[in-house]
N, C-alpha and C. Protein backbone atom coordinates (compact mmCIF):
# COMPACT_ATOMS: atom_id res chain seq x y z
N UNK A 1 117.63 121.86 64.78
CA UNK A 1 117.40 121.68 66.19
C UNK A 1 115.93 121.90 66.52
N UNK A 2 115.38 122.95 65.92
CA UNK A 2 113.98 123.28 66.17
C UNK A 2 113.07 122.19 65.63
N UNK A 3 113.39 121.65 64.46
CA UNK A 3 112.58 120.59 63.87
C UNK A 3 112.62 119.34 64.74
N UNK A 4 113.78 119.05 65.30
CA UNK A 4 113.92 117.89 66.17
C UNK A 4 113.05 118.04 67.42
N UNK A 5 113.08 119.22 68.01
CA UNK A 5 112.27 119.48 69.20
C UNK A 5 110.78 119.38 68.89
N UNK A 6 110.36 119.97 67.79
CA UNK A 6 108.95 119.91 67.40
C UNK A 6 108.56 118.46 67.09
N UNK A 7 109.43 117.73 66.43
CA UNK A 7 109.16 116.33 66.12
C UNK A 7 109.00 115.49 67.38
N UNK A 8 109.85 115.72 68.37
CA UNK A 8 109.75 114.98 69.64
C UNK A 8 108.45 115.32 70.38
N UNK A 9 108.07 116.59 70.38
CA UNK A 9 106.83 116.99 71.04
C UNK A 9 105.63 116.36 70.35
N UNK A 10 105.61 116.37 69.02
CA UNK A 10 104.50 115.77 68.27
C UNK A 10 104.44 114.27 68.53
N UNK A 11 105.57 113.61 68.54
CA UNK A 11 105.59 112.17 68.80
C UNK A 11 105.08 111.87 70.21
N UNK A 12 105.49 112.68 71.17
CA UNK A 12 105.04 112.49 72.55
C UNK A 12 103.53 112.68 72.65
N UNK A 13 103.02 113.73 72.03
CA UNK A 13 101.58 114.01 72.09
C UNK A 13 100.78 112.91 71.41
N UNK A 14 101.27 112.42 70.29
CA UNK A 14 100.55 111.37 69.57
C UNK A 14 100.62 110.03 70.31
N UNK A 15 101.70 109.75 70.99
CA UNK A 15 101.82 108.47 71.69
C UNK A 15 101.12 108.49 73.04
N UNK A 16 100.87 109.64 73.59
CA UNK A 16 100.26 109.73 74.92
C UNK A 16 98.87 109.10 74.98
N UNK A 17 97.93 109.41 74.08
CA UNK A 17 96.61 108.75 74.16
C UNK A 17 96.68 107.24 73.95
N UNK A 18 97.61 106.78 73.12
CA UNK A 18 97.75 105.35 72.87
C UNK A 18 98.22 104.66 74.14
N UNK A 19 99.19 105.23 74.80
CA UNK A 19 99.70 104.64 76.04
C UNK A 19 98.62 104.64 77.11
N UNK A 20 97.82 105.68 77.13
CA UNK A 20 96.76 105.76 78.14
C UNK A 20 95.69 104.70 77.90
N UNK A 21 95.30 104.47 76.65
CA UNK A 21 94.28 103.45 76.38
C UNK A 21 94.83 102.06 76.59
N UNK A 22 96.09 101.82 76.24
CA UNK A 22 96.65 100.49 76.43
C UNK A 22 96.84 100.20 77.92
N UNK A 23 97.10 101.21 78.72
CA UNK A 23 97.25 101.00 80.16
C UNK A 23 95.91 100.59 80.78
N UNK A 24 94.84 101.10 80.24
CA UNK A 24 93.52 100.73 80.77
C UNK A 24 93.18 99.28 80.47
N UNK A 25 93.69 98.75 79.39
CA UNK A 25 93.37 97.38 79.02
C UNK A 25 93.97 96.37 79.97
N UNK A 26 95.12 96.66 80.55
CA UNK A 26 95.82 95.71 81.41
C UNK A 26 95.56 96.03 82.87
N UNK A 27 94.38 95.73 83.32
CA UNK A 27 94.06 95.92 84.73
C UNK A 27 94.35 94.63 85.47
N UNK A 28 94.83 94.73 86.70
CA UNK A 28 95.16 93.51 87.44
C UNK A 28 93.91 92.68 87.72
N UNK A 29 94.10 91.38 87.73
CA UNK A 29 93.00 90.45 88.00
C UNK A 29 92.76 90.41 89.50
N UNK A 30 91.53 90.67 89.90
CA UNK A 30 91.18 90.66 91.31
C UNK A 30 90.69 89.27 91.66
N UNK A 31 91.38 88.63 92.59
CA UNK A 31 90.99 87.28 92.99
C UNK A 31 90.04 87.37 94.17
N UNK A 32 88.87 86.74 94.05
CA UNK A 32 87.88 86.84 95.12
C UNK A 32 88.37 86.28 96.46
N UNK A 33 89.24 85.29 96.42
CA UNK A 33 89.76 84.72 97.66
C UNK A 33 90.59 85.72 98.44
N UNK A 34 91.42 86.48 97.72
CA UNK A 34 92.26 87.48 98.38
C UNK A 34 91.43 88.62 98.94
N UNK A 35 90.41 89.02 98.18
CA UNK A 35 89.54 90.10 98.64
C UNK A 35 88.81 89.67 99.91
N UNK A 36 88.29 88.44 99.90
CA UNK A 36 87.58 87.92 101.06
C UNK A 36 88.50 87.83 102.27
N UNK A 37 89.71 87.35 102.05
CA UNK A 37 90.67 87.21 103.15
C UNK A 37 91.01 88.57 103.75
N UNK A 38 91.22 89.56 102.91
CA UNK A 38 91.55 90.91 103.40
C UNK A 38 90.39 91.50 104.19
N UNK A 39 89.17 91.32 103.67
CA UNK A 39 88.00 91.85 104.37
C UNK A 39 87.80 91.16 105.72
N UNK A 40 87.99 89.84 105.75
CA UNK A 40 87.82 89.11 107.00
C UNK A 40 88.89 89.51 108.02
N UNK A 41 90.07 89.77 107.53
CA UNK A 41 91.14 90.20 108.42
C UNK A 41 90.78 91.55 109.05
N UNK A 42 90.22 92.45 108.26
CA UNK A 42 89.80 93.75 108.78
C UNK A 42 88.68 93.60 109.80
N UNK A 43 87.73 92.70 109.52
CA UNK A 43 86.63 92.47 110.45
C UNK A 43 87.15 91.95 111.78
N UNK A 44 88.11 91.01 111.70
CA UNK A 44 88.67 90.42 112.91
C UNK A 44 89.40 91.47 113.73
N UNK A 45 90.19 92.31 113.06
CA UNK A 45 90.91 93.38 113.76
C UNK A 45 89.95 94.38 114.39
N UNK A 46 88.86 94.68 113.68
CA UNK A 46 87.87 95.62 114.22
C UNK A 46 87.21 95.06 115.47
N UNK A 47 86.88 93.77 115.45
CA UNK A 47 86.28 93.14 116.63
C UNK A 47 87.26 93.16 117.80
N UNK A 48 88.52 92.85 117.54
CA UNK A 48 89.53 92.85 118.60
C UNK A 48 89.68 94.25 119.19
N UNK A 49 89.70 95.27 118.33
CA UNK A 49 89.81 96.66 118.81
C UNK A 49 88.61 97.03 119.66
N UNK A 50 87.43 96.65 119.20
CA UNK A 50 86.20 96.99 119.92
C UNK A 50 86.20 96.33 121.29
N UNK A 51 86.59 95.06 121.34
CA UNK A 51 86.58 94.34 122.61
C UNK A 51 87.67 94.86 123.54
N UNK A 52 88.78 95.28 122.99
CA UNK A 52 89.84 95.85 123.82
C UNK A 52 89.38 97.15 124.46
N UNK A 53 88.70 97.98 123.68
CA UNK A 53 88.19 99.24 124.25
C UNK A 53 87.10 98.98 125.28
N UNK A 54 86.32 97.93 125.06
CA UNK A 54 85.31 97.55 126.05
C UNK A 54 85.96 97.16 127.37
N UNK A 55 87.00 96.35 127.29
CA UNK A 55 87.71 95.93 128.50
C UNK A 55 88.35 97.12 129.21
N UNK A 56 88.87 98.06 128.44
CA UNK A 56 89.46 99.27 129.04
C UNK A 56 88.40 100.06 129.80
N UNK A 57 87.19 100.08 129.25
CA UNK A 57 86.13 100.85 129.92
C UNK A 57 85.72 100.22 131.25
N UNK A 58 86.01 98.95 131.41
CA UNK A 58 85.68 98.28 132.67
C UNK A 58 86.62 98.68 133.79
N UNK A 59 87.79 99.20 133.45
CA UNK A 59 88.82 99.49 134.46
C UNK A 59 88.30 100.40 135.57
N UNK A 60 87.67 101.49 135.21
CA UNK A 60 87.23 102.43 136.23
C UNK A 60 85.86 102.12 136.80
N UNK A 61 85.12 101.27 136.13
CA UNK A 61 83.74 100.98 136.56
C UNK A 61 83.73 99.89 137.63
N UNK A 62 82.71 99.92 138.44
CA UNK A 62 82.56 98.92 139.49
C UNK A 62 81.45 97.96 139.09
N UNK A 63 81.86 96.79 138.61
CA UNK A 63 80.93 95.74 138.23
C UNK A 63 81.09 94.58 139.20
N UNK A 64 80.02 93.86 139.37
CA UNK A 64 80.13 92.65 140.18
C UNK A 64 80.88 91.59 139.40
N UNK A 65 81.41 90.63 140.10
CA UNK A 65 82.17 89.56 139.44
C UNK A 65 81.30 88.82 138.44
N UNK A 66 80.04 88.58 138.80
CA UNK A 66 79.13 87.85 137.91
C UNK A 66 78.89 88.62 136.61
N UNK A 67 78.73 89.95 136.70
CA UNK A 67 78.48 90.73 135.48
C UNK A 67 79.73 90.79 134.61
N UNK A 68 80.92 90.85 135.23
CA UNK A 68 82.16 90.83 134.45
C UNK A 68 82.31 89.51 133.70
N UNK A 69 82.01 88.41 134.38
CA UNK A 69 82.09 87.09 133.75
C UNK A 69 81.08 87.01 132.61
N UNK A 70 79.88 87.55 132.83
CA UNK A 70 78.85 87.53 131.79
C UNK A 70 79.31 88.32 130.57
N UNK A 71 79.89 89.50 130.77
CA UNK A 71 80.37 90.31 129.65
C UNK A 71 81.53 89.61 128.93
N UNK A 72 82.39 88.97 129.68
CA UNK A 72 83.51 88.24 129.09
C UNK A 72 83.01 87.09 128.21
N UNK A 73 82.00 86.37 128.70
CA UNK A 73 81.43 85.28 127.91
C UNK A 73 80.72 85.80 126.67
N UNK A 74 80.10 86.97 126.79
CA UNK A 74 79.44 87.56 125.62
C UNK A 74 80.48 87.88 124.54
N UNK A 75 81.63 88.39 124.95
CA UNK A 75 82.69 88.69 123.97
C UNK A 75 83.20 87.40 123.32
N UNK A 76 83.31 86.34 124.10
CA UNK A 76 83.73 85.06 123.54
C UNK A 76 82.72 84.56 122.51
N UNK A 77 81.43 84.73 122.83
CA UNK A 77 80.39 84.32 121.87
C UNK A 77 80.48 85.12 120.58
N UNK A 78 80.76 86.42 120.70
CA UNK A 78 80.90 87.26 119.51
C UNK A 78 82.08 86.80 118.66
N UNK A 79 83.20 86.46 119.30
CA UNK A 79 84.37 85.97 118.55
C UNK A 79 84.05 84.65 117.85
N UNK A 80 83.40 83.75 118.56
CA UNK A 80 83.04 82.46 117.94
C UNK A 80 82.09 82.66 116.77
N UNK A 81 81.11 83.56 116.95
CA UNK A 81 80.13 83.81 115.88
C UNK A 81 80.82 84.38 114.64
N UNK A 82 81.74 85.32 114.86
CA UNK A 82 82.47 85.90 113.73
C UNK A 82 83.31 84.84 113.04
N UNK A 83 84.00 84.02 113.81
CA UNK A 83 84.84 82.97 113.25
C UNK A 83 84.00 81.99 112.43
N UNK A 84 82.84 81.63 112.96
CA UNK A 84 81.95 80.69 112.26
C UNK A 84 81.40 81.31 110.97
N UNK A 85 81.01 82.57 111.04
CA UNK A 85 80.48 83.25 109.86
C UNK A 85 81.56 83.35 108.77
N UNK A 86 82.79 83.67 109.18
CA UNK A 86 83.87 83.77 108.21
C UNK A 86 84.20 82.41 107.60
N UNK A 87 84.15 81.38 108.40
CA UNK A 87 84.38 80.03 107.89
C UNK A 87 83.32 79.68 106.84
N UNK A 88 82.06 80.01 107.14
CA UNK A 88 80.98 79.75 106.20
C UNK A 88 81.17 80.53 104.90
N UNK A 89 81.62 81.78 105.00
CA UNK A 89 81.86 82.59 103.81
C UNK A 89 82.95 81.96 102.94
N UNK A 90 84.02 81.51 103.58
CA UNK A 90 85.10 80.87 102.83
C UNK A 90 84.61 79.60 102.13
N UNK A 91 83.81 78.82 102.83
CA UNK A 91 83.28 77.59 102.25
C UNK A 91 82.33 77.90 101.09
N UNK A 92 81.50 78.93 101.25
CA UNK A 92 80.61 79.34 100.16
C UNK A 92 81.40 79.75 98.92
N UNK A 93 82.48 80.48 99.13
CA UNK A 93 83.31 80.89 98.00
C UNK A 93 83.92 79.68 97.31
N UNK A 94 84.40 78.72 98.08
CA UNK A 94 84.96 77.50 97.49
C UNK A 94 83.90 76.76 96.68
N UNK A 95 82.69 76.66 97.23
CA UNK A 95 81.60 75.98 96.52
C UNK A 95 81.27 76.69 95.22
N UNK A 96 81.22 78.01 95.25
CA UNK A 96 80.94 78.77 94.04
C UNK A 96 82.02 78.54 92.99
N UNK A 97 83.27 78.53 93.43
CA UNK A 97 84.37 78.32 92.49
C UNK A 97 84.31 76.93 91.88
N UNK A 98 83.93 75.94 92.69
CA UNK A 98 83.78 74.58 92.16
C UNK A 98 82.69 74.52 91.11
N UNK A 99 81.55 75.19 91.38
CA UNK A 99 80.45 75.20 90.41
C UNK A 99 80.88 75.85 89.11
N UNK A 100 81.57 76.97 89.20
CA UNK A 100 82.03 77.67 88.00
C UNK A 100 82.98 76.79 87.21
N UNK A 101 83.89 76.14 87.91
CA UNK A 101 84.86 75.25 87.26
C UNK A 101 84.15 74.10 86.55
N UNK A 102 83.17 73.54 87.24
CA UNK A 102 82.41 72.42 86.67
C UNK A 102 81.63 72.85 85.43
N UNK A 103 81.03 74.02 85.49
CA UNK A 103 80.27 74.53 84.34
C UNK A 103 81.17 74.79 83.14
N UNK A 104 82.36 75.34 83.41
CA UNK A 104 83.27 75.60 82.29
C UNK A 104 83.75 74.29 81.67
N UNK A 105 83.93 73.25 82.48
CA UNK A 105 84.30 71.96 81.93
C UNK A 105 83.21 71.41 81.03
N UNK A 106 81.96 71.55 81.47
CA UNK A 106 80.83 71.04 80.69
C UNK A 106 80.70 71.78 79.38
N UNK A 107 80.93 73.07 79.41
CA UNK A 107 80.83 73.88 78.18
C UNK A 107 81.95 73.49 77.22
N UNK A 108 83.15 73.25 77.73
CA UNK A 108 84.28 72.88 76.86
C UNK A 108 84.09 71.51 76.24
N UNK A 109 83.43 70.59 76.96
CA UNK A 109 83.24 69.24 76.46
C UNK A 109 82.22 69.21 75.33
N UNK A 110 81.34 70.14 75.29
CA UNK A 110 80.28 70.14 74.26
C UNK A 110 80.78 70.54 72.95
């Protein structure tokens, strides 16, 4: 019984470093498209939160109608600018992926 217990402990100790090194080898593949999408989603949510808090701050303040309209238009411009920047980032990523794909094809053909 004692030999069996000692044998199991030795086997466990010897297999532990092997399992740990093999686990390091299989890391998940990070796709740049998913990372970009997640980051852009966070940016969009942050902008929405910021603008919502801005609108809440207007509740107690006395602004003229013209200044409220001006601030509202400024928020719209910020949303459009963020949307345009994110669209450009997505297009840049697609272009980079096309270039990489094209280069790998050229290398394989040689």
